PDB file of N, CA and C in Angstrom:
ATOM      1  N   MET A   1      13.235  17.425  16.527  1.00  0.00           N
ATOM      2  CA  MET A   1      13.579  16.769  15.268  1.00  0.00           C
ATOM      3  C   MET A   1      12.474  15.808  14.825  1.00  0.00           C
ATOM      4  N   LYS A   2      11.936  15.044  15.788  1.00  0.00           N
ATOM      5  CA  LYS A   2      10.907  14.064  15.439  1.00  0.00           C
ATOM      6  C   LYS A   2       9.647  14.765  14.924  1.00  0.00           C
ATOM      7  N   THR A   3       9.249  15.856  15.570  1.00  0.00           N
ATOM      8  CA  THR A   3       8.069  16.608  15.135  1.00  0.00           C
ATOM      9  C   THR A   3       8.282  17.180  13.747  1.00  0.00           C
ATOM     10  N   THR A   4       9.476  17.699  13.491  1.00  0.00           N
ATOM     11  CA  THR A   4       9.796  18.259  12.183  1.00  0.00           C
ATOM     12  C   THR A   4       9.684  17.188  11.101  1.00  0.00           C
ATOM     13  N   LYS A   5      10.213  16.001  11.379  1.00  0.00           N
ATOM     14  CA  LYS A   5      10.136  14.898  10.406  1.00  0.00           C
ATOM     15  C   LYS A   5       8.690  14.495  10.134  1.00  0.00           C
ATOM     16  N   ILE A   6       7.894  14.422  11.190  1.00  0.00           N
ATOM     17  CA  ILE A   6       6.488  14.026  11.023  1.00  0.00           C
ATOM     18  C   ILE A   6       5.742  15.054  10.179  1.00  0.00           C
ATOM     19  N   ILE A   7       5.923  16.322  10.491  1.00  0.00           N
ATOM     20  CA  ILE A   7       5.236  17.373   9.728  1.00  0.00           C
ATOM     21  C   ILE A   7       5.720  17.359   8.278  1.00  0.00           C
ATOM     22  N   TYR A   8       7.026  17.178   8.084  1.00  0.00           N
ATOM     23  CA  TYR A   8       7.572  17.098   6.724  1.00  0.00           C
ATOM     24  C   TYR A   8       6.899  15.975   5.947  1.00  0.00           C
ATOM     25  N   TRP A   9       6.812  14.787   6.560  1.00  0.00           N
ATOM     26  CA  TRP A   9       6.239  13.654   5.845  1.00  0.00           C
ATOM     27  C   TRP A   9       4.742  13.807   5.610  1.00  0.00           C
ATOM     28  N   VAL A  10       4.040  14.456   6.511  1.00  0.00           N
ATOM     29  CA  VAL A  10       2.604  14.690   6.290  1.00  0.00           C
ATOM     30  C   VAL A  10       2.419  15.577   5.064  1.00  0.00           C
ATOM     31  N   PHE A  11       3.123  16.717   5.030  1.00  0.00           N
ATOM     32  CA  PHE A  11       3.017  17.607   3.871  1.00  0.00           C
ATOM     33  C   PHE A  11       3.489  16.918   2.593  1.00  0.00           C
ATOM     34  N   THR A  12       4.576  16.177   2.678  1.00  0.00           N
ATOM     35  CA  THR A  12       5.150  15.543   1.492  1.00  0.00           C
ATOM     36  C   THR A  12       4.233  14.457   0.941  1.00  0.00           C
ATOM     37  N   VAL A  13       3.659  13.647   1.814  1.00  0.00           N
ATOM     38  CA  VAL A  13       2.742  12.591   1.343  1.00  0.00           C
ATOM     39  C   VAL A  13       1.503  13.220   0.701  1.00  0.00           C
ATOM     40  N   LEU A  14       0.967  14.264   1.306  1.00  0.00           N
ATOM     41  CA  LEU A  14      -0.194  14.937   0.707  1.00  0.00           C
ATOM     42  C   LEU A  14       0.165  15.535  -0.660  1.00  0.00           C
ATOM     43  N   LEU A  15       1.341  16.131  -0.767  1.00  0.00           N
ATOM     44  CA  LEU A  15       1.795  16.693  -2.037  1.00  0.00           C
ATOM     45  C   LEU A  15       1.954  15.603  -3.085  1.00  0.00           C
ATOM     46  N   ILE A  16       2.570  14.504  -2.704  1.00  0.00           N
ATOM     47  CA  ILE A  16       2.792  13.409  -3.653  1.00  0.00           C
ATOM     48  C   ILE A  16       1.474  12.799  -4.102  1.00  0.00           C
ATOM     49  N   LEU A  17       0.540  12.627  -3.181  1.00  0.00           N
ATOM     50  CA  LEU A  17      -0.774  12.088  -3.561  1.00  0.00           C
ATOM     51  C   LEU A  17      -1.495  13.022  -4.531  1.00  0.00           C
ATOM     52  N   LEU A  18      -1.411  14.322  -4.280  1.00  0.00           N
ATOM     53  CA  LEU A  18      -2.039  15.296  -5.175  1.00  0.00           C
ATOM     54  C   LEU A  18      -1.427  15.232  -6.573  1.00  0.00           C
ATOM     55  N   MET A  19      -0.103  15.256  -6.637  1.00  0.00           N
ATOM     56  CA  MET A  19       0.570  15.251  -7.937  1.00  0.00           C
ATOM     57  C   MET A  19       0.403  13.917  -8.662  1.00  0.00           C
ATOM     58  N   LEU A  20       0.441  12.829  -7.917  1.00  0.00           N
ATOM     59  CA  LEU A  20       0.279  11.512  -8.530  1.00  0.00           C
ATOM     60  C   LEU A  20      -1.136  11.327  -9.071  1.00  0.00           C
ATOM     61  N   SER A  21      -2.133  11.769  -8.321  1.00  0.00           N
ATOM     62  CA  SER A  21      -3.513  11.641  -8.813  1.00  0.00           C
ATOM     63  C   SER A  21      -3.723  12.500 -10.058  1.00  0.00           C
ATOM     64  N   SER A  22      -3.112  13.661 -10.077  1.00  0.00           N
ATOM     65  CA  SER A  22      -3.206  14.529 -11.258  1.00  0.00           C
ATOM     66  C   SER A  22      -2.533  13.875 -12.463  1.00  0.00           C
ATOM     67  N   ALA A  23      -1.356  13.291 -12.246  1.00  0.00           N
ATOM     68  CA  ALA A  23      -0.624  12.665 -13.346  1.00  0.00           C
ATOM     69  C   ALA A  23      -1.356  11.434 -13.871  1.00  0.00           C
ATOM     70  N   ILE A  24      -1.837  10.603 -12.980  1.00  0.00           N
ATOM     71  CA  ILE A  24      -2.536   9.384 -13.402  1.00  0.00           C
ATOM     72  C   ILE A  24      -3.812   9.738 -14.161  1.00  0.00           C
ATOM     73  N   GLY A  25      -4.521  10.751 -13.693  1.00  0.00           N
ATOM     74  CA  GLY A  25      -5.748  11.175 -14.370  1.00  0.00           C
ATOM     75  C   GLY A  25      -5.512  11.591 -15.803  1.00  0.00           C
ATOM     76  N   THR A  26      -4.358  12.132 -16.089  1.00  0.00           N
ATOM     77  CA  THR A  26      -4.036  12.551 -17.460  1.00  0.00           C
ATOM     78  C   THR A  26      -3.756  11.352 -18.351  1.00  0.00           C
ATOM     79  N   PHE A  27      -3.108  10.322 -17.813  1.00  0.00           N
ATOM     80  CA  PHE A  27      -2.747   9.165 -18.623  1.00  0.00           C
ATOM     81  C   PHE A  27      -3.941   8.282 -18.963  1.00  0.00           C
ATOM     82  N   MET A  28      -5.011   8.404 -18.215  1.00  0.00           N
ATOM     83  CA  MET A  28      -6.209   7.614 -18.532  1.00  0.00           C
ATOM     84  C   MET A  28      -6.975   8.300 -19.662  1.00  0.00           C
ATOM     85  N   ASN A  29      -7.636   7.505 -20.466  1.00  0.00           N
ATOM     86  CA  ASN A  29      -8.423   8.059 -21.557  1.00  0.00           C
ATOM     87  C   ASN A  29      -9.673   8.703 -20.956  1.00  0.00           C
ATOM     88  N   ASN A  30      -9.565   9.981 -20.677  1.00  0.00           N
ATOM     89  CA  ASN A  30     -10.591  10.687 -19.935  1.00  0.00           C
ATOM     90  C   ASN A  30     -11.170  11.816 -20.786  1.00  0.00           C
ATOM     91  N   PRO A  31     -12.412  11.698 -21.238  1.00  0.00           N
ATOM     92  CA  PRO A  31     -12.997  12.769 -22.042  1.00  0.00           C
ATOM     93  C   PRO A  31     -13.142  14.087 -21.270  1.00  0.00           C
ATOM     94  N   GLN A  32     -13.310  14.000 -19.946  1.00  0.00           N
ATOM     95  CA  GLN A  32     -13.400  15.228 -19.140  1.00  0.00           C
ATOM     96  C   GLN A  32     -12.070  15.970 -19.143  1.00  0.00           C
ATOM     97  N   GLY A  33     -10.979  15.226 -19.099  1.00  0.00           N
ATOM     98  CA  GLY A  33      -9.650  15.841 -19.144  1.00  0.00           C
ATOM     99  C   GLY A  33      -9.414  16.538 -20.467  1.00  0.00           C
ATOM    100  N   ALA A  34      -9.846  15.908 -21.561  1.00  0.00           N
ATOM    101  CA  ALA A  34      -9.699  16.520 -22.878  1.00  0.00           C
ATOM    102  C   ALA A  34     -10.564  17.776 -22.983  1.00  0.00           C
ATOM    103  N   ALA A  35     -11.757  17.730 -22.428  1.00  0.00           N
ATOM    104  CA  ALA A  35     -12.636  18.901 -22.451  1.00  0.00           C
ATOM    105  C   ALA A  35     -12.050  20.031 -21.611  1.00  0.00           C
ATOM    106  N   PHE A  36     -11.426  19.677 -20.486  1.00  0.00           N
ATOM    107  CA  PHE A  36     -10.800  20.678 -19.627  1.00  0.00           C
ATOM    108  C   PHE A  36      -9.621  21.342 -20.342  1.00  0.00           C
ATOM    109  N   ALA A  37      -8.806  20.533 -21.016  1.00  0.00           N
ATOM    110  CA  ALA A  37      -7.670  21.077 -21.772  1.00  0.00           C
ATOM    111  C   ALA A  37      -8.173  22.021 -22.861  1.00  0.00           C
ATOM    112  N   LYS A  38      -9.233  21.637 -23.530  1.00  0.00           N
ATOM    113  CA  LYS A  38      -9.804  22.483 -24.581  1.00  0.00           C
ATOM    114  C   LYS A  38     -10.344  23.781 -23.983  1.00  0.00           C
ATOM    115  N   HIS A  39     -10.997  23.680 -22.828  1.00  0.00           N
ATOM    116  CA  HIS A  39     -11.540  24.854 -22.144  1.00  0.00           C
ATOM    117  C   HIS A  39     -10.430  25.860 -21.827  1.00  0.00           C
ATOM    118  N   LEU A  40      -9.278  25.346 -21.394  1.00  0.00           N
ATOM    119  CA  LEU A  40      -8.157  26.222 -21.073  1.00  0.00           C
ATOM    120  C   LEU A  40      -7.398  26.683 -22.318  1.00  0.00           C
ATOM    121  N   GLY A  41      -7.642  26.022 -23.445  1.00  0.00           N
ATOM    122  CA  GLY A  41      -6.976  26.404 -24.683  1.00  0.00           C
ATOM    123  C   GLY A  41      -5.623  25.755 -24.889  1.00  0.00           C
ATOM    124  N   TYR A  42      -5.402  24.627 -24.216  1.00  0.00           N
ATOM    125  CA  TYR A  42      -4.129  23.919 -24.327  1.00  0.00           C
ATOM    126  C   TYR A  42      -4.324  22.602 -25.063  1.00  0.00           C
ATOM    127  N   PRO A  43      -3.294  22.162 -25.795  1.00  0.00           N
ATOM    128  CA  PRO A  43      -3.375  20.830 -26.414  1.00  0.00           C
ATOM    129  C   PRO A  43      -3.175  19.752 -25.345  1.00  0.00           C
ATOM    130  N   MET A  44      -3.736  18.599 -25.570  1.00  0.00           N
ATOM    131  CA  MET A  44      -3.676  17.517 -24.583  1.00  0.00           C
ATOM    132  C   MET A  44      -2.242  17.039 -24.360  1.00  0.00           C
ATOM    133  N   TYR A  45      -1.401  17.138 -25.389  1.00  0.00           N
ATOM    134  CA  TYR A  45      -0.031  16.659 -25.212  1.00  0.00           C
ATOM    135  C   TYR A  45       0.724  17.481 -24.167  1.00  0.00           C
ATOM    136  N   LEU A  46       0.325  18.720 -23.921  1.00  0.00           N
ATOM    137  CA  LEU A  46       0.963  19.514 -22.880  1.00  0.00           C
ATOM    138  C   LEU A  46       0.673  18.917 -21.502  1.00  0.00           C
ATOM    139  N   PHE A  47      -0.542  18.458 -21.300  1.00  0.00           N
ATOM    140  CA  PHE A  47      -0.898  17.838 -20.028  1.00  0.00           C
ATOM    141  C   PHE A  47      -0.163  16.506 -19.848  1.00  0.00           C
ATOM    142  N   THR A  48       0.057  15.788 -20.936  1.00  0.00           N
ATOM    143  CA  THR A  48       0.828  14.544 -20.863  1.00  0.00           C
ATOM    144  C   THR A  48       2.268  14.845 -20.453  1.00  0.00           C
ATOM    145  N   PHE A  49       2.853  15.881 -21.055  1.00  0.00           N
ATOM    146  CA  PHE A  49       4.204  16.305 -20.695  1.00  0.00           C
ATOM    147  C   PHE A  49       4.283  16.696 -19.217  1.00  0.00           C
ATOM    148  N   LEU A  50       3.316  17.475 -18.754  1.00  0.00           N
ATOM    149  CA  LEU A  50       3.298  17.896 -17.353  1.00  0.00           C
ATOM    150  C   LEU A  50       3.151  16.700 -16.414  1.00  0.00           C
ATOM    151  N   SER A  51       2.391  15.694 -16.831  1.00  0.00           N
ATOM    152  CA  SER A  51       2.219  14.502 -16.001  1.00  0.00           C
ATOM    153  C   SER A  51       3.528  13.727 -15.860  1.00  0.00           C
ATOM    154  N   VAL A  52       4.269  13.623 -16.944  1.00  0.00           N
ATOM    155  CA  VAL A  52       5.577  12.962 -16.866  1.00  0.00           C
ATOM    156  C   VAL A  52       6.501  13.763 -15.951  1.00  0.00           C
ATOM    157  N   ALA A  53       6.475  15.089 -16.073  1.00  0.00           N
ATOM    158  CA  ALA A  53       7.299  15.943 -15.214  1.00  0.00           C
ATOM    159  C   ALA A  53       6.897  15.789 -13.745  1.00  0.00           C
ATOM    160  N   LYS A  54       5.605  15.646 -13.472  1.00  0.00           N
ATOM    161  CA  LYS A  54       5.145  15.461 -12.095  1.00  0.00           C
ATOM    162  C   LYS A  54       5.670  14.151 -11.519  1.00  0.00           C
ATOM    163  N   ILE A  55       5.638  13.096 -12.301  1.00  0.00           N
ATOM    164  CA  ILE A  55       6.138  11.804 -11.829  1.00  0.00           C
ATOM    165  C   ILE A  55       7.643  11.885 -11.561  1.00  0.00           C
ATOM    166  N   LEU A  56       8.378  12.549 -12.439  1.00  0.00           N
ATOM    167  CA  LEU A  56       9.815  12.732 -12.216  1.00  0.00           C
ATOM    168  C   LEU A  56      10.072  13.580 -10.968  1.00  0.00           C
ATOM    169  N   GLY A  57       9.234  14.585 -10.737  1.00  0.00           N
ATOM    170  CA  GLY A  57       9.359  15.410  -9.539  1.00  0.00           C
ATOM    171  C   GLY A  57       9.088  14.620  -8.276  1.00  0.00           C
ATOM    172  N   ILE A  58       8.104  13.743  -8.326  1.00  0.00           N
ATOM    173  CA  ILE A  58       7.801  12.875  -7.177  1.00  0.00           C
ATOM    174  C   ILE A  58       9.001  11.998  -6.863  1.00  0.00           C
ATOM    175  N   ILE A  59       9.587  11.410  -7.908  1.00  0.00           N
ATOM    176  CA  ILE A  59      10.764  10.563  -7.710  1.00  0.00           C
ATOM    177  C   ILE A  59      11.907  11.375  -7.106  1.00  0.00           C
ATOM    178  N   ALA A  60      12.110  12.595  -7.614  1.00  0.00           N
ATOM    179  CA  ALA A  60      13.201  13.443  -7.108  1.00  0.00           C
ATOM    180  C   ALA A  60      13.017  13.760  -5.633  1.00  0.00           C
ATOM    181  N   ILE A  61      11.805  13.977  -5.214  1.00  0.00           N
ATOM    182  CA  ILE A  61      11.558  14.311  -3.803  1.00  0.00           C
ATOM    183  C   ILE A  61      11.703  13.082  -2.903  1.00  0.00           C
ATOM    184  N   LEU A  62      11.319  11.921  -3.403  1.00  0.00           N
ATOM    185  CA  LEU A  62      11.354  10.723  -2.567  1.00  0.00           C
ATOM    186  C   LEU A  62      12.734  10.075  -2.466  1.00  0.00           C
ATOM    187  N   VAL A  63      13.548  10.208  -3.494  1.00  0.00           N
ATOM    188  CA  VAL A  63      14.869   9.576  -3.484  1.00  0.00           C
ATOM    189  C   VAL A  63      15.802  10.368  -2.568  1.00  0.00           C
ATOM    190  N   PRO A  64      16.480   9.690  -1.652  1.00  0.00           N
ATOM    191  CA  PRO A  64      17.401  10.401  -0.755  1.00  0.00           C
ATOM    192  C   PRO A  64      18.559  11.033  -1.531  1.00  0.00           C
ATOM    193  N   GLY A  65      19.042  12.144  -1.000  1.00  0.00           N
ATOM    194  CA  GLY A  65      20.142  12.848  -1.653  1.00  0.00           C
ATOM    195  C   GLY A  65      19.625  13.773  -2.739  1.00  0.00           C
ATOM    196  N   PHE A  66      20.496  14.182  -3.639  1.00  0.00           N
ATOM    197  CA  PHE A  66      20.169  15.038  -4.780  1.00  0.00           C
ATOM    198  C   PHE A  66      19.431  16.312  -4.374  1.00  0.00           C
ATOM    199  N   PRO A  67      20.009  17.118  -3.482  1.00  0.00           N
ATOM    200  CA  PRO A  67      19.294  18.307  -2.994  1.00  0.00           C
ATOM    201  C   PRO A  67      18.944  19.314  -4.095  1.00  0.00           C
ATOM    202  N   ARG A  68      19.815  19.476  -5.078  1.00  0.00           N
ATOM    203  CA  ARG A  68      19.510  20.431  -6.149  1.00  0.00           C
ATOM    204  C   ARG A  68      18.318  19.956  -6.981  1.00  0.00           C
ATOM    205  N   LEU A  69      18.265  18.675  -7.224  1.00  0.00           N
ATOM    206  CA  LEU A  69      17.136  18.115  -7.974  1.00  0.00           C
ATOM    207  C   LEU A  69      15.825  18.294  -7.202  1.00  0.00           C
ATOM    208  N   LYS A  70      15.875  18.142  -5.893  1.00  0.00           N
ATOM    209  CA  LYS A  70      14.686  18.364  -5.061  1.00  0.00           C
ATOM    210  C   LYS A  70      14.228  19.816  -5.162  1.00  0.00           C
ATOM    211  N   GLU A  71      15.172  20.747  -5.155  1.00  0.00           N
ATOM    212  CA  GLU A  71      14.822  22.169  -5.289  1.00  0.00           C
ATOM    213  C   GLU A  71      14.083  22.408  -6.607  1.00  0.00           C
ATOM    214  N   TRP A  72      14.575  21.799  -7.677  1.00  0.00           N
ATOM    215  CA  TRP A  72      13.921  21.953  -8.979  1.00  0.00           C
ATOM    216  C   TRP A  72      12.535  21.315  -8.981  1.00  0.00           C
ATOM    217  N   ALA A  73      12.390  20.195  -8.293  1.00  0.00           N
ATOM    218  CA  ALA A  73      11.086  19.536  -8.225  1.00  0.00           C
ATOM    219  C   ALA A  73      10.074  20.427  -7.505  1.00  0.00           C
ATOM    220  N   TYR A  74      10.483  21.001  -6.378  1.00  0.00           N
ATOM    221  CA  TYR A  74       9.590  21.911  -5.655  1.00  0.00           C
ATOM    222  C   TYR A  74       9.240  23.133  -6.520  1.00  0.00           C
ATOM    223  N   ALA A  75      10.240  23.652  -7.219  1.00  0.00           N
ATOM    224  CA  ALA A  75       9.984  24.801  -8.100  1.00  0.00           C
ATOM    225  C   ALA A  75       9.012  24.412  -9.214  1.00  0.00           C
ATOM    226  N   GLY A  76       9.221  23.236  -9.785  1.00  0.00           N
ATOM    227  CA  GLY A  76       8.334  22.772 -10.856  1.00  0.00           C
ATOM    228  C   GLY A  76       6.900  22.602 -10.397  1.00  0.00           C
ATOM    229  N   PHE A  77       6.719  22.041  -9.207  1.00  0.00           N
ATOM    230  CA  PHE A  77       5.365  21.891  -8.665  1.00  0.00           C
ATOM    231  C   PHE A  77       4.722  23.253  -8.429  1.00  0.00           C
ATOM    232  N   THR A  78       5.523  24.197  -7.953  1.00  0.00           N
ATOM    233  CA  THR A  78       5.004  25.550  -7.730  1.00  0.00           C
ATOM    234  C   THR A  78       4.596  26.184  -9.055  1.00  0.00           C
ATOM    235  N   PHE A  79       5.453  26.088 -10.064  1.00  0.00           N
ATOM    236  CA  PHE A  79       5.129  26.655 -11.378  1.00  0.00           C
ATOM    237  C   PHE A  79       3.877  26.005 -11.957  1.00  0.00           C
ATOM    238  N   ASP A  80       3.760  24.691 -11.788  1.00  0.00           N
ATOM    239  CA  ASP A  80       2.595  23.970 -12.306  1.00  0.00           C
ATOM    240  C   ASP A  80       1.307  24.481 -11.665  1.00  0.00           C
ATOM    241  N   LEU A  81       1.308  24.615 -10.355  1.00  0.00           N
ATOM    242  CA  LEU A  81       0.088  25.022  -9.657  1.00  0.00           C
ATOM    243  C   LEU A  81      -0.241  26.497  -9.893  1.00  0.00           C
ATOM    244  N   VAL A  82       0.765  27.359  -9.872  1.00  0.00           N
ATOM    245  CA  VAL A  82       0.522  28.782 -10.142  1.00  0.00           C
ATOM    246  C   VAL A  82       0.062  28.956 -11.587  1.00  0.00           C
ATOM    247  N   GLY A  83       0.659  28.209 -12.503  1.00  0.00           N
ATOM    248  CA  GLY A  83       0.235  28.259 -13.905  1.00  0.00           C
ATOM    249  C   GLY A  83      -1.193  27.783 -14.092  1.00  0.00           C
ATOM    250  N   ALA A  84      -1.603  26.793 -13.315  1.00  0.00           N
ATOM    251  CA  ALA A  84      -2.987  26.305 -13.401  1.00  0.00           C
ATOM    252  C   ALA A  84      -3.967  27.396 -12.983  1.00  0.00           C
ATOM    253  N   VAL A  85      -3.658  28.084 -11.896  1.00  0.00           N
ATOM    254  CA  VAL A  85      -4.538  29.175 -11.443  1.00  0.00           C
ATOM    255  C   VAL A  85      -4.578  30.284 -12.488  1.00  0.00           C
ATOM    256  N   TYR A  86      -3.418  30.668 -12.990  1.00  0.00           N
ATOM    257  CA  TYR A  86      -3.365  31.733 -13.989  1.00  0.00           C
ATOM    258  C   TYR A  86      -4.152  31.356 -15.245  1.00  0.00           C
ATOM    259  N   SER A  87      -3.999  30.111 -15.684  1.00  0.00           N
ATOM    260  CA  SER A  87      -4.722  29.651 -16.871  1.00  0.00           C
ATOM    261  C   SER A  87      -6.222  29.712 -16.647  1.00  0.00           C
ATOM    262  N   GLY A  88      -6.666  29.258 -15.485  1.00  0.00           N
ATOM    263  CA  GLY A  88      -8.094  29.281 -15.181  1.00  0.00           C
ATOM    264  C   GLY A  88      -8.643  30.693 -15.131  1.00  0.00           C
ATOM    265  N   LEU A  89      -7.918  31.581 -14.486  1.00  0.00           N
ATOM    266  CA  LEU A  89      -8.370  32.979 -14.407  1.00  0.00           C
ATOM    267  C   LEU A  89      -8.350  33.648 -15.776  1.00  0.00           C
ATOM    268  N   SER A  90      -7.403  33.254 -16.618  1.00  0.00           N
ATOM    269  CA  SER A  90      -7.289  33.844 -17.958  1.00  0.00           C
ATOM    270  C   SER A  90      -8.480  33.516 -18.848  1.00  0.00           C
ATOM    271  N   VAL A  91      -9.095  32.364 -18.616  1.00  0.00           N
ATOM    272  CA  VAL A  91     -10.258  31.993 -19.429  1.00  0.00           C
ATOM    273  C   VAL A  91     -11.571  32.379 -18.754  1.00  0.00           C
ATOM    274  N   GLY A  92     -11.470  33.072 -17.615  1.00  0.00           N
ATOM    275  CA  GLY A  92     -12.673  33.589 -16.971  1.00  0.00           C
ATOM    276  C   GLY A  92     -13.268  32.717 -15.891  1.00  0.00           C
ATOM    277  N   ASP A  93     -12.560  31.680 -15.482  1.00  0.00           N
ATOM    278  CA  ASP A  93     -13.069  30.846 -14.391  1.00  0.00           C
ATOM    279  C   ASP A  93     -13.034  31.647 -13.091  1.00  0.00           C
ATOM    280  N   PRO A  94     -13.997  31.443 -12.208  1.00  0.00           N
ATOM    281  CA  PRO A  94     -13.971  32.153 -10.920  1.00  0.00           C
ATOM    282  C   PRO A  94     -12.831  31.635 -10.036  1.00  0.00           C
ATOM    283  N   LEU A  95     -12.293  32.520  -9.231  1.00  0.00           N
ATOM    284  CA  LEU A  95     -11.179  32.167  -8.353  1.00  0.00           C
ATOM    285  C   LEU A  95     -11.556  31.050  -7.384  1.00  0.00           C
ATOM    286  N   VAL A  96     -12.799  31.009  -6.962  1.00  0.00           N
ATOM    287  CA  VAL A  96     -13.265  29.994  -6.011  1.00  0.00           C
ATOM    288  C   VAL A  96     -13.064  28.585  -6.572  1.00  0.00           C
ATOM    289  N   GLN A  97     -13.175  28.441  -7.874  1.00  0.00           N
ATOM    290  CA  GLN A  97     -13.016  27.138  -8.526  1.00  0.00           C
ATOM    291  C   GLN A  97     -11.594  26.600  -8.348  1.00  0.00           C
ATOM    292  N   TRP A  98     -10.652  27.479  -8.107  1.00  0.00           N
ATOM    293  CA  TRP A  98      -9.245  27.090  -8.043  1.00  0.00           C
ATOM    294  C   TRP A  98      -8.720  26.972  -6.610  1.00  0.00           C
ATOM    295  N   ILE A  99      -9.585  26.981  -5.620  1.00  0.00           N
ATOM    296  CA  ILE A  99      -9.168  26.854  -4.218  1.00  0.00           C
ATOM    297  C   ILE A  99      -8.389  25.547  -3.974  1.00  0.00           C
ATOM    298  N   PRO A 100      -8.781  24.409  -4.565  1.00  0.00           N
ATOM    299  CA  PRO A 100      -7.970  23.196  -4.349  1.00  0.00           C
ATOM    300  C   PRO A 100      -6.512  23.355  -4.788  1.00  0.00           C
ATOM    301  N   VAL A 101      -6.282  24.183  -5.787  1.00  0.00           N
ATOM    302  CA  VAL A 101      -4.908  24.412  -6.232  1.00  0.00           C
ATOM    303  C   VAL A 101      -4.130  25.175  -5.161  1.00  0.00           C
ATOM    304  N   PHE A 102      -4.790  26.119  -4.499  1.00  0.00           N
ATOM    305  CA  PHE A 102      -4.131  26.842  -3.409  1.00  0.00           C
ATOM    306  C   PHE A 102      -3.800  25.898  -2.251  1.00  0.00           C
ATOM    307  N   VAL A 103      -4.649  24.915  -2.017  1.00  0.00           N
ATOM    308  CA  VAL A 103      -4.355  23.893  -1.008  1.00  0.00           C
ATOM    309  C   VAL A 103      -3.107  23.119  -1.431  1.00  0.00           C
ATOM    310  N   GLY A 104      -2.998  22.817  -2.720  1.00  0.00           N
ATOM    311  CA  GLY A 104      -1.799  22.163  -3.235  1.00  0.00           C
ATOM    312  C   GLY A 104      -0.554  23.002  -3.012  1.00  0.00           C
ATOM    313  N   LEU A 105      -0.677  24.309  -3.174  1.00  0.00           N
ATOM    314  CA  LEU A 105       0.461  25.188  -2.906  1.00  0.00           C
ATOM    315  C   LEU A 105       0.861  25.155  -1.430  1.00  0.00           C
ATOM    316  N   ILE A 106      -0.112  25.027  -0.556  1.00  0.00           N
ATOM    317  CA  ILE A 106       0.192  24.885   0.873  1.00  0.00           C
ATOM    318  C   ILE A 106       0.995  23.601   1.104  1.00  0.00           C
ATOM    319  N   PHE A 107       0.622  22.525   0.416  1.00  0.00           N
ATOM    320  CA  PHE A 107       1.369  21.273   0.532  1.00  0.00           C
ATOM    321  C   PHE A 107       2.810  21.446   0.043  1.00  0.00           C
ATOM    322  N   VAL A 108       2.970  22.136  -1.094  1.00  0.00           N
ATOM    323  CA  VAL A 108       4.315  22.357  -1.644  1.00  0.00           C
ATOM    324  C   VAL A 108       5.156  23.161  -0.662  1.00  0.00           C
ATOM    325  N   PHE A 109       4.620  24.288  -0.204  1.00  0.00           N
ATOM    326  CA  PHE A 109       5.387  25.160   0.683  1.00  0.00           C
ATOM    327  C   PHE A 109       5.651  24.483   2.030  1.00  0.00           C
ATOM    328  N   GLY A 110       4.662  23.757   2.559  1.00  0.00           N
ATOM    329  CA  GLY A 110       4.866  23.052   3.816  1.00  0.00           C
ATOM    330  C   GLY A 110       5.954  22.002   3.699  1.00  0.00           C
ATOM    331  N   SER A 111       5.906  21.215   2.640  1.00  0.00           N
ATOM    332  CA  SER A 111       6.919  20.191   2.427  1.00  0.00           C
ATOM    333  C   SER A 111       8.292  20.826   2.246  1.00  0.00           C
ATOM    334  N   TYR A 112       8.361  21.898   1.470  1.00  0.00           N
ATOM    335  CA  TYR A 112       9.631  22.571   1.201  1.00  0.00           C
ATOM    336  C   TYR A 112      10.226  23.170   2.480  1.00  0.00           C
ATOM    337  N   ILE A 113       9.410  23.865   3.223  1.00  0.00           N
ATOM    338  CA  ILE A 113       9.892  24.508   4.461  1.00  0.00           C
ATOM    339  C   ILE A 113      10.374  23.463   5.458  1.00  0.00           C
ATOM    340  N   PHE A 114       9.600  22.404   5.634  1.00  0.00           N
ATOM    341  CA  PHE A 114      10.002  21.400   6.614  1.00  0.00           C
ATOM    342  C   PHE A 114      11.119  20.498   6.099  1.00  0.00           C
ATOM    343  N   TYR A 115      11.295  20.412   4.783  1.00  0.00           N
ATOM    344  CA  TYR A 115      12.461  19.725   4.222  1.00  0.00           C
ATOM    345  C   TYR A 115      13.731  20.460   4.660  1.00  0.00           C
ATOM    346  N   HIS A 116      13.713  21.782   4.552  1.00  0.00           N
ATOM    347  CA  HIS A 116      14.882  22.564   4.958  1.00  0.00           C
ATOM    348  C   HIS A 116      15.082  22.568   6.472  1.00  0.00           C
ATOM    349  N   LYS A 117      13.994  22.580   7.232  1.00  0.00           N
ATOM    350  CA  LYS A 117      14.128  22.485   8.690  1.00  0.00           C
ATOM    351  C   LYS A 117      14.722  21.142   9.088  1.00  0.00           C
ATOM    352  N   LYS A 118      14.301  20.100   8.387  1.00  0.00           N
ATOM    353  CA  LYS A 118      14.827  18.752   8.650  1.00  0.00           C
ATOM    354  C   LYS A 118      16.318  18.691   8.326  1.00  0.00           C
ATOM    355  N   LEU A 119      16.720  19.275   7.206  1.00  0.00           N
ATOM    356  CA  LEU A 119      18.136  19.314   6.851  1.00  0.00           C
ATOM    357  C   LEU A 119      18.954  20.078   7.882  1.00  0.00           C
ATOM    358  N   LYS A 120      18.423  21.208   8.315  1.00  0.00           N
ATOM    359  CA  LYS A 120      19.126  22.036   9.306  1.00  0.00           C
ATOM    360  C   LYS A 120      19.291  21.273  10.619  1.00  0.00           C
ATOM    361  N   ALA A 121      18.246  20.564  11.020  1.00  0.00           N
ATOM    362  CA  ALA A 121      18.308  19.788  12.264  1.00  0.00           C
ATOM    363  C   ALA A 121      19.303  18.641  12.168  1.00  0.00           C
ATOM    364  N   GLN A 122      19.465  18.090  10.953  1.00  0.00           N
ATOM    365  CA  GLN A 122      20.410  16.995  10.751  1.00  0.00           C
ATOM    366  C   GLN A 122      21.842  17.521  10.627  1.00  0.00           C
ATOM    367  N   GLY A 123      21.970  18.841  10.501  1.00  0.00           N
ATOM    368  CA  GLY A 123      23.298  19.432  10.385  1.00  0.00           C
ATOM    369  C   GLY A 123      23.868  19.384   8.992  1.00  0.00           C
ATOM    370  N   ALA A 124      23.011  19.237   7.979  1.00  0.00           N
ATOM    371  CA  ALA A 124      23.488  19.170   6.598  1.00  0.00           C
ATOM    372  C   ALA A 124      23.685  20.541   6.005  1.00  0.00           C
TER     373      ALA A 124
END
């Protein structure tokens, strides 16, 4: 049980740091972020919306209880990261450029899997 909790928290903290840094970067007046949004063909307000959703997802994962909300948060993070890869590939970016996003997916899946292992061990 202790090992499961430790692994869960390692994956979860890494996931939260990734999502929080992404969200904060959008809220700052960043010309590189605007250029990136333009490169992908998206309006900047979409990235602002996604940043708010990321912060809400972080809160959902950190607050005890609310298992259904946590499931939606994990799903949202997965959709966000898979959508980022798809968007990049759609505009012709090389797959190698998106490797950090795949690392983020590992964080999501690791946190999700060990969240359920932790619940099972607790008898929930």
